[in-house]
Amino acid sequence: MTEAPKAFQPRPRSVHDLLFAPGSRGVLIATSKDPDAKRTFIVTPPAGTYRDGPAGPVAIKIPVTVAASGAVSRETRMLIALGEADLGEVGRTVPRYLETLDSDGLPAVVTTVVRGVPMSVGYHRWLHTSRPRAVAEDFALAGGWLRHLQLATAGPRARITWAGDVSGEVRTRWSGHPKLEAAQVRLAAADRQLRRHRVAATVVHGDYWFGNLLVDDGRISGVVDWENGARSGSPLRDLVRFVLSYCLYLDRHTRPGREVHGHRGLRRTGFGAGIRYGLLEPGWLPDLVRLYLRTGLDRLGLPTVLWYGAALAGLGEIAATANDDQFAANHLELLASLPYWPLTDVADGVEVL
């Protein structure tokens, strides 16, 4: 008996074709109010829609504004590049590009689905960030995935110009800002320190914060939102971004002026109190932050003493590139207020910058 040929559906040409095809089912999983706002749906299209794609659900990211369409286009190019690269075992955790559809004249990208729960869900559970073991596990997961990505994609070593590049971007964006020069002095100090060394260029995610890391069964099962990625760039960018974002929201569930539970000396006193605490103060979490950064630098073949200069450059990068002006300005002002060196290392007799 000959098996009947499998029927395939007409290939969708627009978002409407995919979302509203007979038998298609979808759910909105993410949206935002950012200047480059996008809506992300998980859709189960009719069987046979994608001959070479998954039999189950797909993800579709739809831009809401023209600015958002640029972000979607950047992510599309990055996902195509990643699909052509040998990422090793982390390749399974990266969404695979399927196609681009029309959304009222703007491009919407369709990808495979990577399963898992954002690390941010656990992060915001009651007292999660007050427990050393839970935080250490988050750091280990993020650092482990990043290490595998960097090993798989390492290219030739080159001088670290990241802080100097960031300094130029900050000056362009914040010309005339009263805190610009103070921030520039700190970036210049970081540049003098980092530029002495070379590191292998790697694939860079570009927004490696815990909200973009998906966790399943005690492992990183997916890493999403690659719109700020680079096929080849400084691996310090992702290393630093994770801990800065992790520290930033430590006081999110604490009333203004109150001490943050589990972190003696950390109070909710304004923007960036958690970052200042994580980089400069004593405590179990600052110890984890510094260990995470030093371990990451050591694995890259760099002196561990570079951790603070890298952190300053990371703050500058957010000030230069964040799409929300107030969020970016807050990072600029935080950078301008920090000392040129970490007080803990100075106490140990180590001149860092």
C-alpha atoms as a PDB file:
ATOM      1  CA  MET A   1       0.000   0.000   0.000  1.00  0.00           C
ATOM      2  CA  THR A   2       1.445   3.345  -1.061  1.00  0.00           C
ATOM      3  CA  GLU A   3       1.409   6.120   1.563  1.00  0.00           C
ATOM      4  CA  ALA A   4      -0.499   9.210   0.430  1.00  0.00           C
ATOM      5  CA  PRO A   5       1.718  12.248  -0.104  1.00  0.00           C
ATOM      6  CA  LYS A   6       1.694  14.731   2.770  1.00  0.00           C
ATOM      7  CA  ALA A   7      -0.349  17.848   2.110  1.00  0.00           C
ATOM      8  CA  PHE A   8       1.326  21.198   2.626  1.00  0.00           C
ATOM      9  CA  GLN A   9      -0.331  24.503   3.331  1.00  0.00           C
ATOM     10  CA  PRO A  10       0.274  27.585   1.183  1.00  0.00           C
ATOM     11  CA  ARG A  11       3.331  29.416   2.515  1.00  0.00           C
ATOM     12  CA  PRO A  12       2.248  32.521   4.470  1.00  0.00           C
ATOM     13  CA  ARG A  13       3.215  35.847   2.939  1.00  0.00           C
ATOM     14  CA  SER A  14       2.076  38.159   5.737  1.00  0.00           C
ATOM     15  CA  VAL A  15       1.568  38.164   9.484  1.00  0.00           C
ATOM     16  CA  HIS A  16      -2.158  38.007   8.847  1.00  0.00           C
ATOM     17  CA  ASP A  17      -1.732  34.837   6.782  1.00  0.00           C
ATOM     18  CA  LEU A  18       0.091  33.126   9.630  1.00  0.00           C
ATOM     19  CA  LEU A  19      -1.965  34.343  12.595  1.00  0.00           C
ATOM     20  CA  PHE A  20      -5.370  33.911  10.990  1.00  0.00           C
ATOM     21  CA  ALA A  21      -4.912  30.810   8.856  1.00  0.00           C
ATOM     22  CA  PRO A  22      -7.692  28.217   9.419  1.00  0.00           C
ATOM     23  CA  GLY A  23      -6.650  26.045  12.342  1.00  0.00           C
ATOM     24  CA  SER A  24      -3.852  28.384  13.463  1.00  0.00           C
ATOM     25  CA  ARG A  25      -3.570  29.066  17.204  1.00  0.00           C
ATOM     26  CA  GLY A  26      -1.468  31.730  18.894  1.00  0.00           C
ATOM     27  CA  VAL A  27      -0.770  33.522  22.145  1.00  0.00           C
ATOM     28  CA  LEU A  28       0.895  36.869  22.838  1.00  0.00           C
ATOM     29  CA  ILE A  29       3.829  36.285  25.184  1.00  0.00           C
ATOM     30  CA  ALA A  30       5.623  39.643  25.183  1.00  0.00           C
ATOM     31  CA  THR A  31       5.055  43.279  24.336  1.00  0.00           C
ATOM     32  CA  SER A  32       6.623  46.556  25.378  1.00  0.00           C
ATOM     33  CA  LYS A  33       6.217  50.328  25.382  1.00  0.00           C
ATOM     34  CA  ASP A  34       9.791  51.037  24.315  1.00  0.00           C
ATOM     35  CA  PRO A  35      10.549  53.334  21.360  1.00  0.00           C
ATOM     36  CA  ASP A  36      11.307  50.145  19.406  1.00  0.00           C
ATOM     37  CA  ALA A  37       8.327  48.241  20.784  1.00  0.00           C
ATOM     38  CA  LYS A  38       7.637  44.758  19.433  1.00  0.00           C
ATOM     39  CA  ARG A  39       5.016  42.088  20.026  1.00  0.00           C
ATOM     40  CA  THR A  40       6.030  38.451  20.220  1.00  0.00           C
ATOM     41  CA  PHE A  41       3.548  35.661  19.556  1.00  0.00           C
ATOM     42  CA  ILE A  42       3.901  31.901  19.861  1.00  0.00           C
ATOM     43  CA  VAL A  43       1.836  30.434  17.023  1.00  0.00           C
ATOM     44  CA  THR A  44       0.936  26.865  16.149  1.00  0.00           C
ATOM     45  CA  PRO A  45       0.262  27.041  12.406  1.00  0.00           C
ATOM     46  CA  PRO A  46      -1.661  24.408  10.432  1.00  0.00           C
ATOM     47  CA  ALA A  47       0.274  21.193   9.851  1.00  0.00           C
ATOM     48  CA  GLY A  48       2.479  21.370   6.783  1.00  0.00           C
ATOM     49  CA  THR A  49       2.992  25.131   6.808  1.00  0.00           C
ATOM     50  CA  TYR A  50       6.786  24.783   7.036  1.00  0.00           C
ATOM     51  CA  ARG A  51       8.174  21.878   5.040  1.00  0.00           C
ATOM     52  CA  ASP A  52      11.682  22.231   6.444  1.00  0.00           C
ATOM     53  CA  GLY A  53      10.664  23.771   9.738  1.00  0.00           C
ATOM     54  CA  PRO A  54       9.253  22.549  13.026  1.00  0.00           C
ATOM     55  CA  ALA A  55       6.047  20.543  13.179  1.00  0.00           C
ATOM     56  CA  GLY A  56       4.992  22.436  16.296  1.00  0.00           C
ATOM     57  CA  PRO A  57       4.803  26.099  17.281  1.00  0.00           C
ATOM     58  CA  VAL A  58       6.871  28.959  15.892  1.00  0.00           C
ATOM     59  CA  ALA A  59       7.665  32.404  17.279  1.00  0.00           C
ATOM     60  CA  ILE A  60       6.858  35.595  15.403  1.00  0.00           C
ATOM     61  CA  LYS A  61       8.182  39.007  16.395  1.00  0.00           C
ATOM     62  CA  ILE A  62       6.153  41.906  15.021  1.00  0.00           C
ATOM     63  CA  PRO A  63       7.408  45.522  15.072  1.00  0.00           C
ATOM     64  CA  VAL A  64       4.972  48.164  16.292  1.00  0.00           C
ATOM     65  CA  THR A  65       6.899  51.188  14.965  1.00  0.00           C
ATOM     66  CA  VAL A  66       9.339  52.001  12.193  1.00  0.00           C
ATOM     67  CA  ALA A  67      12.110  52.159  14.801  1.00  0.00           C
ATOM     68  CA  ALA A  68      11.142  48.668  15.927  1.00  0.00           C
ATOM     69  CA  SER A  69      11.375  47.389  12.368  1.00  0.00           C
ATOM     70  CA  GLY A  70      15.056  48.281  12.391  1.00  0.00           C
ATOM     71  CA  ALA A  71      15.561  46.162  15.502  1.00  0.00           C
ATOM     72  CA  VAL A  72      13.698  43.251  13.905  1.00  0.00           C
ATOM     73  CA  SER A  73      15.843  43.536  10.767  1.00  0.00           C
ATOM     74  CA  ARG A  74      19.028  43.528  12.861  1.00  0.00           C
ATOM     75  CA  GLU A  75      17.886  40.440  14.733  1.00  0.00           C
ATOM     76  CA  THR A  76      16.989  38.727  11.464  1.00  0.00           C
ATOM     77  CA  ARG A  77      20.487  39.303  10.079  1.00  0.00           C
ATOM     78  CA  MET A  78      22.040  38.088  13.314  1.00  0.00           C
ATOM     79  CA  LEU A  79      19.959  34.896  13.454  1.00  0.00           C
ATOM     80  CA  ILE A  80      20.820  34.109   9.838  1.00  0.00           C
ATOM     81  CA  ALA A  81      24.522  34.564  10.657  1.00  0.00           C
ATOM     82  CA  LEU A  82      24.223  32.377  13.744  1.00  0.00           C
ATOM     83  CA  GLY A  83      22.483  29.701  11.704  1.00  0.00           C
ATOM     84  CA  GLU A  84      25.505  29.592   9.418  1.00  0.00           C
ATOM     85  CA  ALA A  85      28.020  29.477  12.285  1.00  0.00           C
ATOM     86  CA  ASP A  86      29.235  26.457  14.223  1.00  0.00           C
ATOM     87  CA  LEU A  87      28.041  27.238  17.736  1.00  0.00           C
ATOM     88  CA  GLY A  88      28.648  23.806  19.175  1.00  0.00           C
ATOM     89  CA  GLU A  89      26.264  22.632  21.860  1.00  0.00           C
ATOM     90  CA  VAL A  90      24.833  26.127  22.450  1.00  0.00           C
ATOM     91  CA  GLY A  91      23.423  26.099  18.926  1.00  0.00           C
ATOM     92  CA  ARG A  92      20.364  24.259  20.231  1.00  0.00           C
ATOM     93  CA  THR A  93      19.594  27.159  22.557  1.00  0.00           C
ATOM     94  CA  VAL A  94      19.448  29.814  19.801  1.00  0.00           C
ATOM     95  CA  PRO A  95      16.227  30.382  17.813  1.00  0.00           C
ATOM     96  CA  ARG A  96      16.530  29.357  14.148  1.00  0.00           C
ATOM     97  CA  TYR A  97      15.442  31.821  11.488  1.00  0.00           C
ATOM     98  CA  LEU A  98      12.556  30.587   9.329  1.00  0.00           C
ATOM     99  CA  GLU A  99      11.301  33.520   7.274  1.00  0.00           C
ATOM    100  CA  THR A 100      10.351  37.187   7.153  1.00  0.00           C
ATOM    101  CA  LEU A 101       6.707  38.186   6.732  1.00  0.00           C
ATOM    102  CA  ASP A 102       5.041  41.461   5.905  1.00  0.00           C
ATOM    103  CA  SER A 103       3.331  43.332   8.749  1.00  0.00           C
ATOM    104  CA  ASP A 104       1.615  46.388   7.260  1.00  0.00           C
ATOM    105  CA  GLY A 105       4.741  47.212   5.309  1.00  0.00           C
ATOM    106  CA  LEU A 106       7.178  46.363   8.112  1.00  0.00           C
ATOM    107  CA  PRO A 107       9.218  43.147   8.429  1.00  0.00           C
ATOM    108  CA  ALA A 108       8.202  40.540  11.022  1.00  0.00           C
ATOM    109  CA  VAL A 109      10.565  37.657  11.732  1.00  0.00           C
ATOM    110  CA  VAL A 110       9.487  34.033  12.235  1.00  0.00           C
ATOM    111  CA  THR A 111      11.769  31.670  14.161  1.00  0.00           C
ATOM    112  CA  THR A 112      11.736  28.325  15.860  1.00  0.00           C
ATOM    113  CA  VAL A 113      10.728  28.254  19.519  1.00  0.00           C
ATOM    114  CA  VAL A 114      13.282  27.625  22.264  1.00  0.00           C
ATOM    115  CA  ARG A 115      11.548  26.354  25.347  1.00  0.00           C
ATOM    116  CA  GLY A 116      12.085  27.501  28.902  1.00  0.00           C
ATOM    117  CA  VAL A 117      11.125  30.061  31.515  1.00  0.00           C
ATOM    118  CA  PRO A 118      12.915  33.438  31.606  1.00  0.00           C
ATOM    119  CA  MET A 119      15.399  33.650  34.465  1.00  0.00           C
ATOM    120  CA  SER A 120      13.623  36.885  35.394  1.00  0.00           C
ATOM    121  CA  VAL A 121      10.636  34.850  36.639  1.00  0.00           C
ATOM    122  CA  GLY A 122      12.749  33.189  39.310  1.00  0.00           C
ATOM    123  CA  TYR A 123      14.675  36.396  39.975  1.00  0.00           C
ATOM    124  CA  HIS A 124      11.515  38.235  41.013  1.00  0.00           C
ATOM    125  CA  ARG A 125      10.180  35.460  43.218  1.00  0.00           C
ATOM    126  CA  TRP A 126       9.997  36.452  46.871  1.00  0.00           C
ATOM    127  CA  LEU A 127      13.468  36.452  48.473  1.00  0.00           C
ATOM    128  CA  HIS A 128      15.173  34.762  45.511  1.00  0.00           C
ATOM    129  CA  THR A 129      17.949  37.353  45.319  1.00  0.00           C
ATOM    130  CA  SER A 130      18.413  37.286  49.093  1.00  0.00           C
ATOM    131  CA  ARG A 131      19.547  33.645  48.978  1.00  0.00           C
ATOM    132  CA  PRO A 132      23.263  33.140  48.196  1.00  0.00           C
ATOM    133  CA  ARG A 133      22.777  29.648  46.768  1.00  0.00           C
ATOM    134  CA  ALA A 134      20.023  30.733  44.366  1.00  0.00           C
ATOM    135  CA  VAL A 135      22.037  33.707  43.112  1.00  0.00           C
ATOM    136  CA  ALA A 136      25.187  31.613  42.757  1.00  0.00           C
ATOM    137  CA  GLU A 137      23.234  29.127  40.631  1.00  0.00           C
ATOM    138  CA  ASP A 138      22.006  31.937  38.360  1.00  0.00           C
ATOM    139  CA  PHE A 139      25.560  33.223  37.936  1.00  0.00           C
ATOM    140  CA  ALA A 140      26.853  29.707  37.217  1.00  0.00           C
ATOM    141  CA  LEU A 141      24.201  29.099  34.549  1.00  0.00           C
ATOM    142  CA  ALA A 142      24.809  32.438  32.818  1.00  0.00           C
ATOM    143  CA  GLY A 143      28.589  32.133  33.001  1.00  0.00           C
ATOM    144  CA  GLY A 144      28.590  28.531  31.803  1.00  0.00           C
ATOM    145  CA  TRP A 145      26.483  29.214  28.707  1.00  0.00           C
ATOM    146  CA  LEU A 146      28.533  32.278  27.862  1.00  0.00           C
ATOM    147  CA  ARG A 147      31.770  30.341  28.205  1.00  0.00           C
ATOM    148  CA  HIS A 148      30.559  27.689  25.736  1.00  0.00           C
ATOM    149  CA  LEU A 149      29.514  30.368  23.224  1.00  0.00           C
ATOM    150  CA  GLN A 150      32.843  32.150  23.490  1.00  0.00           C
ATOM    151  CA  LEU A 151      34.872  28.959  23.143  1.00  0.00           C
ATOM    152  CA  ALA A 152      32.894  27.879  20.075  1.00  0.00           C
ATOM    153  CA  THR A 153      33.202  31.220  18.271  1.00  0.00           C
ATOM    154  CA  ALA A 154      36.617  32.552  19.316  1.00  0.00           C
ATOM    155  CA  GLY A 155      38.546  34.212  16.503  1.00  0.00           C
ATOM    156  CA  PRO A 156      41.899  36.005  16.318  1.00  0.00           C
ATOM    157  CA  ARG A 157      43.014  38.002  19.337  1.00  0.00           C
ATOM    158  CA  ALA A 158      42.920  41.772  19.010  1.00  0.00           C
ATOM    159  CA  ARG A 159      43.590  44.764  21.204  1.00  0.00           C
ATOM    160  CA  ILE A 160      40.675  45.672  23.499  1.00  0.00           C
ATOM    161  CA  THR A 161      39.370  49.006  22.218  1.00  0.00           C
ATOM    162  CA  TRP A 162      35.890  48.554  23.700  1.00  0.00           C
ATOM    163  CA  ALA A 163      36.084  51.292  26.357  1.00  0.00           C
ATOM    164  CA  GLY A 164      37.527  53.798  23.869  1.00  0.00           C
ATOM    165  CA  ASP A 165      34.814  52.972  21.331  1.00  0.00           C
ATOM    166  CA  VAL A 166      32.135  53.380  24.001  1.00  0.00           C
ATOM    167  CA  SER A 167      33.614  56.725  25.032  1.00  0.00           C
ATOM    168  CA  GLY A 168      33.142  58.084  21.529  1.00  0.00           C
ATOM    169  CA  GLU A 169      29.536  56.846  21.393  1.00  0.00           C
ATOM    170  CA  VAL A 170      28.767  58.391  24.781  1.00  0.00           C
ATOM    171  CA  ARG A 171      30.188  61.758  23.735  1.00  0.00           C
ATOM    172  CA  THR A 172      28.122  61.743  20.554  1.00  0.00           C
ATOM    173  CA  ARG A 173      24.879  60.912  22.347  1.00  0.00           C
ATOM    174  CA  TRP A 174      25.320  63.080  25.436  1.00  0.00           C
ATOM    175  CA  SER A 175      27.063  66.179  24.142  1.00  0.00           C
ATOM    176  CA  GLY A 176      26.305  69.022  26.557  1.00  0.00           C
ATOM    177  CA  HIS A 177      25.177  66.789  29.431  1.00  0.00           C
ATOM    178  CA  PRO A 178      26.533  68.121  32.769  1.00  0.00           C
ATOM    179  CA  LYS A 179      27.850  64.658  33.749  1.00  0.00           C
ATOM    180  CA  LEU A 180      29.480  63.877  30.413  1.00  0.00           C
ATOM    181  CA  GLU A 181      33.024  64.910  31.264  1.00  0.00           C
ATOM    182  CA  ALA A 182      33.056  63.022  34.567  1.00  0.00           C
ATOM    183  CA  ALA A 183      31.838  59.919  32.746  1.00  0.00           C
ATOM    184  CA  GLN A 184      34.463  60.419  30.038  1.00  0.00           C
ATOM    185  CA  VAL A 185      37.255  60.555  32.615  1.00  0.00           C
ATOM    186  CA  ARG A 186      36.208  57.150  33.937  1.00  0.00           C
ATOM    187  CA  LEU A 187      35.948  55.647  30.476  1.00  0.00           C
ATOM    188  CA  ALA A 188      39.378  57.027  29.631  1.00  0.00           C
ATOM    189  CA  ALA A 189      40.793  55.333  32.731  1.00  0.00           C
ATOM    190  CA  ALA A 190      39.132  52.063  31.748  1.00  0.00           C
ATOM    191  CA  ASP A 191      40.471  52.400  28.204  1.00  0.00           C
ATOM    192  CA  ARG A 192      44.036  52.912  29.424  1.00  0.00           C
ATOM    193  CA  GLN A 193      43.744  49.701  31.419  1.00  0.00           C
ATOM    194  CA  LEU A 194      41.966  47.499  28.886  1.00  0.00           C
ATOM    195  CA  ARG A 195      43.813  48.663  25.774  1.00  0.00           C
ATOM    196  CA  ARG A 196      47.041  47.122  27.015  1.00  0.00           C
ATOM    197  CA  HIS A 197      45.608  43.650  26.450  1.00  0.00           C
ATOM    198  CA  ARG A 198      44.345  41.454  23.636  1.00  0.00           C
ATOM    199  CA  VAL A 199      41.413  39.057  23.602  1.00  0.00           C
ATOM    200  CA  ALA A 200      39.787  36.776  21.041  1.00  0.00           C
ATOM    201  CA  ALA A 201      36.772  38.301  19.316  1.00  0.00           C
ATOM    202  CA  THR A 202      33.627  36.153  19.675  1.00  0.00           C
ATOM    203  CA  VAL A 203      29.945  36.166  18.873  1.00  0.00           C
ATOM    204  CA  VAL A 204      28.294  38.755  21.130  1.00  0.00           C
ATOM    205  CA  HIS A 205      24.650  38.662  22.201  1.00  0.00           C
ATOM    206  CA  GLY A 206      24.649  42.359  23.049  1.00  0.00           C
ATOM    207  CA  ASP A 207      21.843  42.337  25.624  1.00  0.00           C
ATOM    208  CA  TYR A 208      22.866  39.451  27.849  1.00  0.00           C
ATOM    209  CA  TRP A 209      20.629  40.154  30.813  1.00  0.00           C
ATOM    210  CA  PHE A 210      18.689  37.601  32.815  1.00  0.00           C
ATOM    211  CA  GLY A 211      15.368  38.401  31.106  1.00  0.00           C
ATOM    212  CA  ASN A 212      16.747  37.025  27.831  1.00  0.00           C
ATOM    213  CA  LEU A 213      17.955  33.747  29.343  1.00  0.00           C
ATOM    214  CA  LEU A 214      15.493  30.851  29.379  1.00  0.00           C
ATOM    215  CA  VAL A 215      15.898  28.142  32.011  1.00  0.00           C
ATOM    216  CA  ASP A 216      14.590  24.589  31.951  1.00  0.00           C
ATOM    217  CA  ASP A 217      15.478  21.734  34.288  1.00  0.00           C
ATOM    218  CA  GLY A 218      18.454  23.526  35.797  1.00  0.00           C
ATOM    219  CA  ARG A 219      20.104  24.582  32.521  1.00  0.00           C
ATOM    220  CA  ILE A 220      20.033  27.437  30.035  1.00  0.00           C
ATOM    221  CA  SER A 221      17.636  26.104  27.402  1.00  0.00           C
ATOM    222  CA  GLY A 222      17.393  29.239  25.277  1.00  0.00           C
ATOM    223  CA  VAL A 223      18.828  32.711  24.729  1.00  0.00           C
ATOM    224  CA  VAL A 224      16.555  35.120  22.866  1.00  0.00           C
ATOM    225  CA  ASP A 225      16.427  38.715  21.546  1.00  0.00           C
ATOM    226  CA  TRP A 226      19.563  38.955  19.405  1.00  0.00           C
ATOM    227  CA  GLU A 227      18.835  42.367  17.894  1.00  0.00           C
ATOM    228  CA  ASN A 228      21.929  43.947  19.469  1.00  0.00           C
ATOM    229  CA  GLY A 229      24.205  41.036  18.637  1.00  0.00           C
ATOM    230  CA  ALA A 230      27.442  40.988  16.666  1.00  0.00           C
ATOM    231  CA  ARG A 231      29.007  38.159  14.688  1.00  0.00           C
ATOM    232  CA  SER A 232      32.408  39.256  16.014  1.00  0.00           C
ATOM    233  CA  GLY A 233      33.030  41.573  18.936  1.00  0.00           C
ATOM    234  CA  SER A 234      34.404  41.978  22.440  1.00  0.00           C
ATOM    235  CA  PRO A 235      33.419  39.099  24.755  1.00  0.00           C
ATOM    236  CA  LEU A 236      33.652  41.494  27.701  1.00  0.00           C
ATOM    237  CA  ARG A 237      30.342  43.051  26.635  1.00  0.00           C
ATOM    238  CA  ASP A 238      28.198  40.035  27.528  1.00  0.00           C
ATOM    239  CA  LEU A 239      30.279  39.134  30.567  1.00  0.00           C
ATOM    240  CA  VAL A 240      29.708  42.528  32.153  1.00  0.00           C
ATOM    241  CA  ARG A 241      26.111  43.095  31.023  1.00  0.00           C
ATOM    242  CA  PHE A 242      24.784  40.106  32.960  1.00  0.00           C
ATOM    243  CA  VAL A 243      26.035  41.215  36.369  1.00  0.00           C
ATOM    244  CA  LEU A 244      25.138  44.876  35.845  1.00  0.00           C
ATOM    245  CA  SER A 245      21.546  43.944  35.036  1.00  0.00           C
ATOM    246  CA  TYR A 246      21.401  41.451  37.890  1.00  0.00           C
ATOM    247  CA  CYS A 247      22.500  44.062  40.421  1.00  0.00           C
ATOM    248  CA  LEU A 248      20.320  46.834  39.011  1.00  0.00           C
ATOM    249  CA  TYR A 249      17.021  45.311  40.121  1.00  0.00           C
ATOM    250  CA  LEU A 250      18.023  44.001  43.550  1.00  0.00           C
ATOM    251  CA  ASP A 251      15.974  46.722  45.243  1.00  0.00           C
ATOM    252  CA  ARG A 252      12.961  46.471  42.936  1.00  0.00           C
ATOM    253  CA  HIS A 253      10.686  45.000  45.632  1.00  0.00           C
ATOM    254  CA  THR A 254      11.928  47.211  48.488  1.00  0.00           C
ATOM    255  CA  ARG A 255      10.299  50.434  49.630  1.00  0.00           C
ATOM    256  CA  PRO A 256      12.340  53.650  49.154  1.00  0.00           C
ATOM    257  CA  GLY A 257      14.816  54.170  51.977  1.00  0.00           C
ATOM    258  CA  ARG A 258      14.476  50.629  53.320  1.00  0.00           C
ATOM    259  CA  GLU A 259      17.280  48.077  53.516  1.00  0.00           C
ATOM    260  CA  VAL A 260      17.076  45.319  50.912  1.00  0.00           C
ATOM    261  CA  HIS A 261      16.406  41.976  52.568  1.00  0.00           C
ATOM    262  CA  GLY A 262      19.488  39.751  52.657  1.00  0.00           C
ATOM    263  CA  HIS A 263      21.906  42.521  51.675  1.00  0.00           C
ATOM    264  CA  ARG A 264      23.247  44.430  54.652  1.00  0.00           C
ATOM    265  CA  GLY A 265      24.190  47.930  53.633  1.00  0.00           C
ATOM    266  CA  LEU A 266      22.066  48.047  50.484  1.00  0.00           C
ATOM    267  CA  ARG A 267      19.133  50.443  50.645  1.00  0.00           C
ATOM    268  CA  ARG A 268      16.780  51.602  47.949  1.00  0.00           C
ATOM    269  CA  THR A 269      18.131  55.116  47.642  1.00  0.00           C
ATOM    270  CA  GLY A 270      17.854  55.869  43.949  1.00  0.00           C
ATOM    271  CA  PHE A 271      18.854  54.554  40.568  1.00  0.00           C
ATOM    272  CA  GLY A 272      21.796  52.158  40.514  1.00  0.00           C
ATOM    273  CA  ALA A 273      22.136  51.538  44.252  1.00  0.00           C
ATOM    274  CA  GLY A 274      22.340  47.801  43.542  1.00  0.00           C
ATOM    275  CA  ILE A 275      25.086  48.247  40.952  1.00  0.00           C
ATOM    276  CA  ARG A 276      27.144  50.435  43.272  1.00  0.00           C
ATOM    277  CA  TYR A 277      26.664  47.846  46.017  1.00  0.00           C
ATOM    278  CA  GLY A 278      27.590  44.927  43.745  1.00  0.00           C
ATOM    279  CA  LEU A 279      30.758  46.565  42.464  1.00  0.00           C
ATOM    280  CA  LEU A 280      32.075  48.362  45.533  1.00  0.00           C
ATOM    281  CA  GLU A 281      30.638  47.176  48.830  1.00  0.00           C
ATOM    282  CA  PRO A 282      31.413  44.177  51.047  1.00  0.00           C
ATOM    283  CA  GLY A 283      28.945  41.314  51.175  1.00  0.00           C
ATOM    284  CA  TRP A 284      28.223  37.878  49.786  1.00  0.00           C
ATOM    285  CA  LEU A 285      26.620  39.160  46.579  1.00  0.00           C
ATOM    286  CA  PRO A 286      29.428  41.642  45.763  1.00  0.00           C
ATOM    287  CA  ASP A 287      31.816  38.732  46.337  1.00  0.00           C
ATOM    288  CA  LEU A 288      29.864  36.680  43.782  1.00  0.00           C
ATOM    289  CA  VAL A 289      29.873  39.582  41.305  1.00  0.00           C
ATOM    290  CA  ARG A 290      33.626  40.004  41.514  1.00  0.00           C
ATOM    291  CA  LEU A 291      34.197  36.233  41.345  1.00  0.00           C
ATOM    292  CA  TYR A 292      31.975  35.978  38.275  1.00  0.00           C
ATOM    293  CA  LEU A 293      33.828  38.775  36.480  1.00  0.00           C
ATOM    294  CA  ARG A 294      37.281  37.569  37.468  1.00  0.00           C
ATOM    295  CA  THR A 295      36.488  33.990  36.472  1.00  0.00           C
ATOM    296  CA  GLY A 296      35.166  35.139  33.106  1.00  0.00           C
ATOM    297  CA  LEU A 297      38.262  37.231  32.468  1.00  0.00           C
ATOM    298  CA  ASP A 298      40.565  34.397  33.455  1.00  0.00           C
ATOM    299  CA  ARG A 299      38.806  32.039  31.038  1.00  0.00           C
ATOM    300  CA  LEU A 300      39.387  34.600  28.299  1.00  0.00           C
ATOM    301  CA  GLY A 301      43.090  34.648  29.107  1.00  0.00           C
ATOM    302  CA  LEU A 302      42.979  38.124  30.651  1.00  0.00           C
ATOM    303  CA  PRO A 303      44.245  39.431  34.005  1.00  0.00           C
ATOM    304  CA  THR A 304      41.479  39.258  36.578  1.00  0.00           C
ATOM    305  CA  VAL A 305      42.346  42.750  37.808  1.00  0.00           C
ATOM    306  CA  LEU A 306      40.604  44.137  34.707  1.00  0.00           C
ATOM    307  CA  TRP A 307      37.152  43.442  36.153  1.00  0.00           C
ATOM    308  CA  TYR A 308      36.427  46.961  37.362  1.00  0.00           C
ATOM    309  CA  GLY A 309      37.569  48.722  34.200  1.00  0.00           C
ATOM    310  CA  ALA A 310      35.367  46.339  32.226  1.00  0.00           C
ATOM    311  CA  ALA A 311      32.415  47.175  34.481  1.00  0.00           C
ATOM    312  CA  LEU A 312      32.896  50.905  33.864  1.00  0.00           C
ATOM    313  CA  ALA A 313      32.955  50.291  30.114  1.00  0.00           C
ATOM    314  CA  GLY A 314      29.780  48.222  30.439  1.00  0.00           C
ATOM    315  CA  LEU A 315      27.966  51.085  32.163  1.00  0.00           C
ATOM    316  CA  GLY A 316      29.147  53.415  29.430  1.00  0.00           C
ATOM    317  CA  GLU A 317      27.834  51.086  26.739  1.00  0.00           C
ATOM    318  CA  ILE A 318      24.348  51.137  28.268  1.00  0.00           C
ATOM    319  CA  ALA A 319      24.496  54.934  28.495  1.00  0.00           C
ATOM    320  CA  ALA A 320      25.437  55.050  24.814  1.00  0.00           C
ATOM    321  CA  THR A 321      23.022  52.485  23.389  1.00  0.00           C
ATOM    322  CA  ALA A 322      19.901  52.046  25.567  1.00  0.00           C
ATOM    323  CA  ASN A 323      16.807  52.969  23.552  1.00  0.00           C
ATOM    324  CA  ASP A 324      15.105  54.653  26.502  1.00  0.00           C
ATOM    325  CA  ASP A 325      16.691  58.075  27.016  1.00  0.00           C
ATOM    326  CA  GLN A 326      16.031  58.258  30.749  1.00  0.00           C
ATOM    327  CA  PHE A 327      17.405  54.769  31.350  1.00  0.00           C
ATOM    328  CA  ALA A 328      20.521  55.659  29.361  1.00  0.00           C
ATOM    329  CA  ALA A 329      20.948  59.002  31.181  1.00  0.00           C
ATOM    330  CA  ASN A 330      20.665  57.247  34.544  1.00  0.00           C
ATOM    331  CA  HIS A 331      23.549  54.973  33.593  1.00  0.00           C
ATOM    332  CA  LEU A 332      25.602  57.942  32.450  1.00  0.00           C
ATOM    333  CA  GLU A 333      25.099  59.680  35.790  1.00  0.00           C
ATOM    334  CA  LEU A 334      25.840  56.485  37.716  1.00  0.00           C
ATOM    335  CA  LEU A 335      29.076  56.011  35.777  1.00  0.00           C
ATOM    336  CA  ALA A 336      30.077  59.614  36.471  1.00  0.00           C
ATOM    337  CA  SER A 337      29.560  59.102  40.212  1.00  0.00           C
ATOM    338  CA  LEU A 338      31.675  55.964  40.642  1.00  0.00           C
ATOM    339  CA  PRO A 339      35.289  56.003  41.831  1.00  0.00           C
ATOM    340  CA  TYR A 340      38.074  55.291  39.371  1.00  0.00           C
ATOM    341  CA  TRP A 341      38.973  52.074  41.184  1.00  0.00           C
ATOM    342  CA  PRO A 342      37.224  49.431  43.315  1.00  0.00           C
ATOM    343  CA  LEU A 343      37.804  50.149  46.967  1.00  0.00           C
ATOM    344  CA  THR A 344      38.081  46.447  47.805  1.00  0.00           C
ATOM    345  CA  ASP A 345      41.115  45.999  45.553  1.00  0.00           C
ATOM    346  CA  VAL A 346      42.692  49.203  46.815  1.00  0.00           C
ATOM    347  CA  ALA A 347      42.397  47.808  50.313  1.00  0.00           C
ATOM    348  CA  ASP A 348      44.278  44.724  49.110  1.00  0.00           C
ATOM    349  CA  GLY A 349      47.078  46.925  47.828  1.00  0.00           C
ATOM    350  CA  VAL A 350      46.236  46.448  44.136  1.00  0.00           C
ATOM    351  CA  GLU A 351      46.322  49.498  41.913  1.00  0.00           C
ATOM    352  CA  VAL A 352      43.678  48.865  39.274  1.00  0.00           C
ATOM    353  CA  LEU A 353      43.336  52.043  37.240  1.00  0.00           C
END
